[in-house]
Amino acid sequence: MGSVKKDKRIDGLVAESVSSEEKLEGIRGGVMEKIGLIRGAISEVSKLRKEVARKRRKAAENVNLSAVKYRELEELEEACEAEDFERANRMSERLS
């Protein structure tokens, strides 16, 4: 004797009952789809984190370079105020 499937009525439509294996396959398919979406999201987040880290390093480098330039400009100003033109010329050449 073959397996007999029962009919169930849902909102006036006839739906065959689904075997346990078919339900399990449906659940597996849904889980695999969600895993794929999660992996894609993780990949995107990882890419964004690397980009942010790169920008942070670049910003820190720019801050350090700016601090050095500012310090050198202050030294140039001090040399000019002290009328130490030799030192001011050296500082000016270094800054250009």
N, C-alpha and C. Protein backbone atom coordinates (compact mmCIF):
# COMPACT_ATOMS: atom_id res chain seq x y z
N MET A 1 0.81 -1.18 0.00
CA MET A 1 0.00 0.00 0.00
C MET A 1 0.87 1.25 0.00
N GLY A 2 0.55 2.28 -0.80
CA GLY A 2 1.31 3.52 -0.86
C GLY A 2 0.94 4.45 0.27
N SER A 3 1.71 5.49 0.41
CA SER A 3 1.40 6.44 1.47
C SER A 3 0.23 7.31 1.02
N VAL A 4 -0.61 7.60 1.94
CA VAL A 4 -1.80 8.40 1.65
C VAL A 4 -1.59 9.77 2.26
N LYS A 5 -1.81 10.80 1.46
CA LYS A 5 -1.68 12.16 1.97
C LYS A 5 -3.07 12.71 2.21
N LYS A 6 -3.22 13.39 3.31
CA LYS A 6 -4.53 13.95 3.64
C LYS A 6 -4.62 15.36 3.08
N ASP A 7 -5.83 15.77 2.72
CA ASP A 7 -6.07 17.13 2.27
C ASP A 7 -6.45 17.98 3.48
N LYS A 8 -5.94 19.21 3.51
CA LYS A 8 -6.30 20.15 4.56
C LYS A 8 -6.82 21.39 3.88
N ARG A 9 -7.81 22.01 4.44
CA ARG A 9 -8.38 23.22 3.87
C ARG A 9 -7.82 24.43 4.63
N ILE A 10 -7.22 25.35 3.86
CA ILE A 10 -6.67 26.58 4.43
C ILE A 10 -7.27 27.72 3.61
N ASP A 11 -8.07 28.56 4.25
CA ASP A 11 -8.72 29.68 3.58
C ASP A 11 -9.41 29.25 2.29
N GLY A 12 -10.07 28.16 2.33
CA GLY A 12 -10.83 27.70 1.18
C GLY A 12 -10.00 27.00 0.12
N LEU A 13 -8.69 26.90 0.30
CA LEU A 13 -7.83 26.22 -0.67
C LEU A 13 -7.47 24.84 -0.15
N VAL A 14 -7.22 23.95 -1.03
CA VAL A 14 -6.83 22.60 -0.64
C VAL A 14 -5.31 22.51 -0.68
N ALA A 15 -4.72 22.08 0.42
CA ALA A 15 -3.27 21.91 0.49
C ALA A 15 -2.97 20.50 0.95
N GLU A 16 -2.05 19.83 0.27
CA GLU A 16 -1.67 18.49 0.70
C GLU A 16 -0.76 18.60 1.91
N SER A 17 -0.90 17.67 2.82
CA SER A 17 0.00 17.68 3.96
C SER A 17 1.41 17.34 3.48
N VAL A 18 2.38 17.99 4.06
CA VAL A 18 3.77 17.85 3.62
C VAL A 18 4.47 16.87 4.55
N SER A 19 5.28 15.99 3.97
CA SER A 19 5.99 15.01 4.79
C SER A 19 7.04 15.72 5.65
N SER A 20 7.47 15.04 6.68
CA SER A 20 8.48 15.59 7.59
C SER A 20 9.77 15.92 6.86
N GLU A 21 10.14 15.06 5.92
CA GLU A 21 11.38 15.30 5.16
C GLU A 21 11.27 16.56 4.32
N GLU A 22 10.10 16.76 3.72
CA GLU A 22 9.90 17.96 2.91
C GLU A 22 9.93 19.22 3.78
N LYS A 23 9.34 19.13 4.97
CA LYS A 23 9.37 20.26 5.90
C LYS A 23 10.82 20.57 6.30
N LEU A 24 11.55 19.50 6.59
CA LEU A 24 12.95 19.66 6.99
C LEU A 24 13.77 20.30 5.87
N GLU A 25 13.54 19.87 4.64
CA GLU A 25 14.25 20.46 3.50
C GLU A 25 13.90 21.93 3.35
N GLY A 26 12.64 22.25 3.57
CA GLY A 26 12.22 23.66 3.50
C GLY A 26 12.90 24.50 4.57
N ILE A 27 12.98 23.95 5.76
CA ILE A 27 13.65 24.65 6.87
C ILE A 27 15.13 24.81 6.56
N ARG A 28 15.76 23.72 6.07
CA ARG A 28 17.19 23.78 5.71
C ARG A 28 17.44 24.87 4.67
N GLY A 29 16.58 24.90 3.66
CA GLY A 29 16.72 25.92 2.62
C GLY A 29 16.64 27.32 3.19
N GLY A 30 15.68 27.54 4.09
CA GLY A 30 15.55 28.86 4.73
C GLY A 30 16.76 29.21 5.57
N VAL A 31 17.26 28.21 6.32
CA VAL A 31 18.44 28.43 7.15
C VAL A 31 19.66 28.76 6.28
N MET A 32 19.83 28.00 5.20
CA MET A 32 20.98 28.24 4.31
C MET A 32 20.90 29.63 3.68
N GLU A 33 19.70 30.05 3.33
CA GLU A 33 19.53 31.39 2.76
C GLU A 33 19.92 32.46 3.78
N LYS A 34 19.46 32.28 5.02
CA LYS A 34 19.79 33.24 6.07
C LYS A 34 21.29 33.24 6.36
N ILE A 35 21.91 32.06 6.35
CA ILE A 35 23.36 31.99 6.56
C ILE A 35 24.09 32.75 5.46
N GLY A 36 23.62 32.61 4.24
CA GLY A 36 24.22 33.35 3.12
C GLY A 36 24.10 34.86 3.32
N LEU A 37 22.93 35.30 3.77
CA LEU A 37 22.73 36.74 4.03
C LEU A 37 23.64 37.23 5.15
N ILE A 38 23.76 36.41 6.19
CA ILE A 38 24.61 36.78 7.33
C ILE A 38 26.07 36.85 6.89
N ARG A 39 26.51 35.89 6.09
CA ARG A 39 27.90 35.91 5.60
C ARG A 39 28.16 37.15 4.76
N GLY A 40 27.19 37.51 3.93
CA GLY A 40 27.32 38.73 3.13
C GLY A 40 27.43 39.96 4.01
N ALA A 41 26.60 40.01 5.06
CA ALA A 41 26.63 41.15 5.97
C ALA A 41 27.97 41.21 6.71
N ILE A 42 28.46 40.05 7.14
CA ILE A 42 29.75 39.99 7.84
C ILE A 42 30.86 40.48 6.93
N SER A 43 30.83 40.06 5.69
CA SER A 43 31.84 40.48 4.72
C SER A 43 31.81 41.99 4.53
N GLU A 44 30.62 42.54 4.42
CA GLU A 44 30.47 43.99 4.24
C GLU A 44 30.98 44.75 5.47
N VAL A 45 30.64 44.27 6.66
CA VAL A 45 31.09 44.91 7.89
C VAL A 45 32.61 44.84 7.98
N SER A 46 33.18 43.71 7.64
CA SER A 46 34.64 43.56 7.67
C SER A 46 35.30 44.55 6.73
N LYS A 47 34.74 44.67 5.53
CA LYS A 47 35.28 45.61 4.55
C LYS A 47 35.20 47.05 5.07
N LEU A 48 34.07 47.40 5.68
CA LEU A 48 33.90 48.75 6.21
C LEU A 48 34.86 49.02 7.38
N ARG A 49 35.07 48.02 8.23
CA ARG A 49 36.00 48.18 9.36
C ARG A 49 37.42 48.44 8.86
N LYS A 50 37.83 47.71 7.82
CA LYS A 50 39.16 47.92 7.25
C LYS A 50 39.28 49.32 6.67
N GLU A 51 38.23 49.77 6.01
CA GLU A 51 38.22 51.11 5.42
C GLU A 51 38.32 52.19 6.52
N VAL A 52 37.57 52.00 7.60
CA VAL A 52 37.61 52.95 8.71
C VAL A 52 38.99 52.96 9.36
N ALA A 53 39.58 51.79 9.54
CA ALA A 53 40.92 51.71 10.13
C ALA A 53 41.94 52.42 9.25
N ARG A 54 41.82 52.25 7.93
CA ARG A 54 42.73 52.92 7.00
C ARG A 54 42.56 54.44 7.10
N LYS A 55 41.32 54.90 7.16
CA LYS A 55 41.06 56.34 7.27
C LYS A 55 41.57 56.89 8.61
N ARG A 56 41.42 56.10 9.68
CA ARG A 56 41.90 56.52 10.99
C ARG A 56 43.43 56.67 10.98
N ARG A 57 44.12 55.69 10.37
CA ARG A 57 45.59 55.78 10.28
C ARG A 57 46.01 57.01 9.48
N LYS A 58 45.31 57.26 8.37
CA LYS A 58 45.63 58.41 7.52
C LYS A 58 45.39 59.71 8.29
N ALA A 59 44.30 59.79 9.05
CA ALA A 59 44.01 60.98 9.83
C ALA A 59 45.07 61.20 10.91
N ALA A 60 45.49 60.13 11.57
CA ALA A 60 46.54 60.24 12.60
C ALA A 60 47.84 60.72 11.97
N GLU A 61 48.15 60.20 10.79
CA GLU A 61 49.36 60.64 10.08
C GLU A 61 49.27 62.13 9.74
N ASN A 62 48.11 62.57 9.28
CA ASN A 62 47.93 63.99 8.94
C ASN A 62 48.05 64.88 10.18
N VAL A 63 47.52 64.42 11.30
CA VAL A 63 47.63 65.18 12.55
C VAL A 63 49.09 65.30 12.95
N ASN A 64 49.82 64.20 12.87
CA ASN A 64 51.24 64.24 13.24
C ASN A 64 52.04 65.16 12.33
N LEU A 65 51.79 65.09 11.02
CA LEU A 65 52.49 65.97 10.08
C LEU A 65 52.15 67.43 10.35
N SER A 66 50.89 67.70 10.64
CA SER A 66 50.47 69.07 10.94
C SER A 66 51.14 69.58 12.21
N ALA A 67 51.25 68.73 13.21
CA ALA A 67 51.90 69.13 14.47
C ALA A 67 53.37 69.46 14.24
N VAL A 68 54.04 68.67 13.41
CA VAL A 68 55.45 68.92 13.11
C VAL A 68 55.59 70.25 12.37
N LYS A 69 54.74 70.47 11.35
CA LYS A 69 54.79 71.73 10.59
C LYS A 69 54.52 72.92 11.50
N TYR A 70 53.54 72.79 12.38
CA TYR A 70 53.21 73.88 13.29
C TYR A 70 54.39 74.20 14.20
N ARG A 71 55.03 73.16 14.72
CA ARG A 71 56.19 73.34 15.59
C ARG A 71 57.31 74.07 14.82
N GLU A 72 57.53 73.67 13.57
CA GLU A 72 58.57 74.31 12.76
C GLU A 72 58.22 75.77 12.47
N LEU A 73 56.95 76.05 12.23
CA LEU A 73 56.53 77.44 12.01
C LEU A 73 56.73 78.29 13.26
N GLU A 74 56.46 77.70 14.42
CA GLU A 74 56.69 78.42 15.67
C GLU A 74 58.18 78.73 15.84
N GLU A 75 59.04 77.76 15.49
CA GLU A 75 60.48 77.98 15.58
C GLU A 75 60.91 79.08 14.61
N LEU A 76 60.33 79.09 13.42
CA LEU A 76 60.64 80.13 12.44
C LEU A 76 60.23 81.49 12.98
N GLU A 77 59.05 81.55 13.57
CA GLU A 77 58.58 82.81 14.15
C GLU A 77 59.52 83.28 15.27
N GLU A 78 59.95 82.35 16.12
CA GLU A 78 60.88 82.71 17.20
C GLU A 78 62.20 83.23 16.63
N ALA A 79 62.68 82.58 15.58
CA ALA A 79 63.94 83.02 14.95
C ALA A 79 63.79 84.42 14.37
N CYS A 80 62.65 84.69 13.75
CA CYS A 80 62.41 86.02 13.18
C CYS A 80 62.33 87.07 14.28
N GLU A 81 61.61 86.75 15.36
CA GLU A 81 61.48 87.70 16.47
C GLU A 81 62.83 87.97 17.13
N ALA A 82 63.68 86.95 17.17
CA ALA A 82 65.01 87.11 17.77
C ALA A 82 66.00 87.71 16.78
N GLU A 83 65.51 87.98 15.58
CA GLU A 83 66.33 88.54 14.50
C GLU A 83 67.53 87.65 14.19
N ASP A 84 67.31 86.34 14.33
CA ASP A 84 68.32 85.35 13.97
C ASP A 84 68.00 84.91 12.53
N PHE A 85 68.45 85.73 11.58
CA PHE A 85 68.05 85.54 10.20
C PHE A 85 68.69 84.31 9.56
N GLU A 86 69.85 83.94 10.03
CA GLU A 86 70.48 82.72 9.52
C GLU A 86 69.62 81.50 9.84
N ARG A 87 69.24 81.42 11.11
CA ARG A 87 68.37 80.32 11.55
C ARG A 87 67.02 80.40 10.85
N ALA A 88 66.48 81.60 10.70
CA ALA A 88 65.19 81.78 10.03
C ALA A 88 65.27 81.31 8.58
N ASN A 89 66.38 81.59 7.90
CA ASN A 89 66.55 81.12 6.52
C ASN A 89 66.59 79.60 6.45
N ARG A 90 67.33 78.99 7.37
CA ARG A 90 67.39 77.52 7.40
C ARG A 90 66.01 76.93 7.64
N MET A 91 65.29 77.52 8.59
CA MET A 91 63.94 77.03 8.90
C MET A 91 63.02 77.20 7.70
N SER A 92 63.13 78.33 7.05
CA SER A 92 62.29 78.62 5.88
C SER A 92 62.57 77.63 4.75
N GLU A 93 63.85 77.32 4.53
CA GLU A 93 64.20 76.36 3.49
C GLU A 93 63.68 74.96 3.82
N ARG A 94 63.74 74.60 5.08
CA ARG A 94 63.22 73.29 5.49
C ARG A 94 61.71 73.19 5.30
N LEU A 95 61.03 74.31 5.52
CA LEU A 95 59.57 74.31 5.40
C LEU A 95 59.09 74.30 3.95
N SER A 96 59.94 74.75 3.03
CA SER A 96 59.48 74.82 1.64
C SER A 96 59.67 73.54 0.89
